[in-house]
Amino acid sequence: MTGAGPKLIEINPRMGGFYLRDWILELYGVDLLLASTMVACGLQPALPAHPRARGYLVGIMCLVSQHIELLSSPGCRETLQALHDKGLLRLNLLEEALIPGQYEEPYCNVACAGPSLAEARLRLLGICQGLGIDRPNYPVVHFLSHFK
């Protein structure tokens, strides 16, 4: 309540992408959701004046329609989580369950970090080939060829 009456606080930040908050926090050290919440509450967030990326992240989506066999295989989710916990990849689970549906929604995003774009791409390609994410009908090497 203020002297002029009730104060309305609307917290409605919108970020494109399923994993961008996590990536921006990792690369730049800025939590966009926290900063938006602070602004909505009338607080000035502590943000770096000129944030610089601390590396590169390159990722790929795993889709239920393309990867259901892999993702539903025993131990797959645990393997992805273990690789994430060891820092070999970044895993962002976007859905709790593998549910084939009328509309395509990604199940998860798998990404690799590196000091250069080329190294991050190479790490991701190796992980995707090793895990079976890279397939003839889901050519990760082709998708990554657009990021040079």
Protein backbone atom coordinates (compact mmCIF):
# COMPACT_ATOMS: atom_id res chain seq x y z
CA MET A 1 0.00 0.00 0.00
CA THR A 2 1.27 3.45 -0.85
CA GLY A 3 0.08 6.93 0.05
CA ALA A 4 -1.78 7.04 -3.27
CA GLY A 5 -3.46 3.67 -2.75
CA PRO A 6 -2.65 0.07 -3.58
CA LYS A 7 0.43 -0.62 -5.66
CA LEU A 8 0.01 -3.15 -8.44
CA ILE A 9 3.04 -5.30 -9.16
CA GLU A 10 2.93 -7.23 -12.39
CA ILE A 11 5.61 -9.81 -12.90
CA ASN A 12 5.35 -10.96 -16.47
CA PRO A 13 8.79 -11.21 -18.05
CA ARG A 14 8.86 -13.05 -21.33
CA MET A 15 11.91 -14.80 -22.67
CA GLY A 16 12.08 -16.59 -25.98
CA GLY A 17 13.38 -20.11 -25.95
CA PHE A 18 13.06 -22.93 -23.49
CA TYR A 19 16.52 -22.72 -21.96
CA LEU A 20 17.64 -19.12 -22.49
CA ARG A 21 17.39 -18.10 -18.82
CA ASP A 22 19.75 -20.93 -17.88
CA TRP A 23 22.16 -20.20 -20.73
CA ILE A 24 22.26 -16.44 -20.09
CA LEU A 25 22.91 -17.05 -16.40
CA GLU A 26 25.71 -19.49 -17.25
CA LEU A 27 27.38 -17.36 -19.92
CA TYR A 28 26.84 -13.84 -18.59
CA GLY A 29 26.10 -14.32 -14.89
CA VAL A 30 22.76 -12.51 -15.25
CA ASP A 31 19.47 -14.03 -14.10
CA LEU A 32 16.88 -12.33 -16.30
CA LEU A 33 13.93 -13.57 -14.26
CA LEU A 34 15.41 -12.30 -11.00
CA ALA A 35 16.26 -8.96 -12.62
CA SER A 36 12.71 -8.63 -13.99
CA THR A 37 11.22 -9.48 -10.60
CA MET A 38 13.41 -6.89 -8.90
CA VAL A 39 12.39 -4.21 -11.42
CA ALA A 40 8.70 -5.10 -10.92
CA CYS A 41 9.20 -4.66 -7.17
CA GLY A 42 10.83 -1.26 -7.61
CA LEU A 43 14.34 -2.51 -6.84
CA GLN A 44 17.31 -1.87 -9.07
CA PRO A 45 18.96 -5.17 -9.96
CA ALA A 46 22.72 -5.42 -9.66
CA LEU A 47 23.76 -6.07 -13.24
CA PRO A 48 27.16 -5.82 -14.90
CA ALA A 49 27.44 -2.70 -17.07
CA HIS A 50 28.97 -4.57 -19.99
CA PRO A 51 28.58 -8.31 -19.49
CA ARG A 52 30.90 -10.48 -21.55
CA ALA A 53 30.25 -14.09 -22.40
CA ARG A 54 32.41 -16.57 -20.48
CA GLY A 55 32.46 -19.04 -23.34
CA TYR A 56 30.14 -20.63 -25.87
CA LEU A 57 27.17 -22.97 -25.61
CA VAL A 58 25.81 -24.99 -28.51
CA GLY A 59 22.73 -27.13 -28.07
CA ILE A 60 20.20 -29.33 -29.77
CA MET A 61 16.61 -30.21 -28.93
CA CYS A 62 15.54 -33.80 -28.40
CA LEU A 63 12.06 -34.29 -29.83
CA VAL A 64 9.62 -36.97 -28.77
CA SER A 65 8.79 -37.76 -32.41
CA GLN A 66 12.45 -38.27 -33.32
CA HIS A 67 13.96 -39.65 -30.13
CA ILE A 68 11.24 -41.56 -28.27
CA GLU A 69 13.06 -44.90 -28.57
CA LEU A 70 16.28 -43.44 -27.22
CA LEU A 71 14.66 -41.33 -24.51
CA SER A 72 12.43 -44.16 -23.29
CA SER A 73 15.25 -46.70 -23.14
CA PRO A 74 16.28 -47.84 -19.65
CA GLY A 75 18.86 -45.56 -18.09
CA CYS A 76 18.78 -42.84 -20.76
CA ARG A 77 17.56 -40.06 -18.48
CA GLU A 78 20.01 -41.16 -15.78
CA THR A 79 22.87 -41.14 -18.31
CA LEU A 80 21.98 -37.63 -19.46
CA GLN A 81 21.76 -36.46 -15.85
CA ALA A 82 25.10 -38.09 -14.98
CA LEU A 83 26.80 -36.37 -17.95
CA HIS A 84 25.24 -33.09 -16.80
CA ASP A 85 26.43 -33.63 -13.22
CA LYS A 86 29.98 -34.28 -14.50
CA GLY A 87 29.91 -31.06 -16.53
CA LEU A 88 30.18 -32.85 -19.87
CA LEU A 89 26.88 -31.45 -21.11
CA ARG A 90 24.09 -29.13 -20.03
CA LEU A 91 20.73 -30.81 -19.74
CA ASN A 92 17.52 -28.82 -19.62
CA LEU A 93 14.51 -31.10 -19.19
CA LEU A 94 11.49 -29.37 -20.66
CA GLU A 95 8.89 -32.08 -20.06
CA GLU A 96 8.38 -34.57 -17.26
CA ALA A 97 6.98 -37.34 -19.42
CA LEU A 98 7.48 -38.62 -22.96
CA ILE A 99 4.04 -38.12 -24.46
CA PRO A 100 3.66 -38.36 -28.22
CA GLY A 101 1.07 -35.84 -29.32
CA GLN A 102 -0.49 -33.89 -32.09
CA TYR A 103 1.81 -30.93 -31.50
CA GLU A 104 5.57 -31.29 -31.43
CA GLU A 105 7.13 -30.16 -28.19
CA PRO A 106 10.79 -30.69 -27.31
CA TYR A 107 11.46 -33.06 -24.43
CA CYS A 108 14.87 -31.69 -23.53
CA ASN A 109 17.76 -29.59 -24.68
CA VAL A 110 21.28 -30.98 -24.65
CA ALA A 111 24.15 -28.51 -24.93
CA CYS A 112 27.92 -28.46 -24.66
CA ALA A 113 30.16 -25.61 -23.60
CA GLY A 114 33.55 -24.67 -24.91
CA PRO A 115 36.06 -21.83 -24.99
CA SER A 116 35.36 -21.47 -28.73
CA LEU A 117 32.34 -22.05 -30.92
CA ALA A 118 34.18 -24.75 -32.86
CA GLU A 119 35.08 -26.67 -29.69
CA ALA A 120 31.53 -26.44 -28.30
CA ARG A 121 30.14 -27.70 -31.63
CA LEU A 122 32.61 -30.57 -31.74
CA ARG A 123 31.83 -31.62 -28.16
CA LEU A 124 28.10 -31.55 -28.84
CA LEU A 125 28.45 -33.56 -32.04
CA GLY A 126 30.50 -36.21 -30.23
CA ILE A 127 27.96 -36.45 -27.40
CA CYS A 128 25.05 -36.63 -29.86
CA GLN A 129 26.74 -39.33 -31.92
CA GLY A 130 27.68 -41.31 -28.83
CA LEU A 131 24.20 -41.16 -27.33
CA GLY A 132 22.30 -41.75 -30.56
CA ILE A 133 20.69 -38.31 -30.77
CA ASP A 134 22.36 -37.85 -34.16
CA ARG A 135 20.39 -40.05 -36.56
CA PRO A 136 19.80 -40.21 -40.31
CA ASN A 137 16.42 -38.50 -39.91
CA TYR A 138 17.79 -36.03 -37.32
CA PRO A 139 21.22 -35.05 -38.69
CA VAL A 140 22.88 -33.09 -35.91
CA VAL A 141 25.97 -32.48 -38.07
CA HIS A 142 23.74 -30.67 -40.58
CA PHE A 143 22.04 -28.58 -37.87
CA LEU A 144 25.42 -27.59 -36.43
CA SER A 145 26.81 -26.66 -39.86
CA HIS A 146 24.77 -23.45 -39.71
CA PHE A 147 26.75 -22.17 -36.70
CA LYS A 148 30.27 -21.23 -37.77
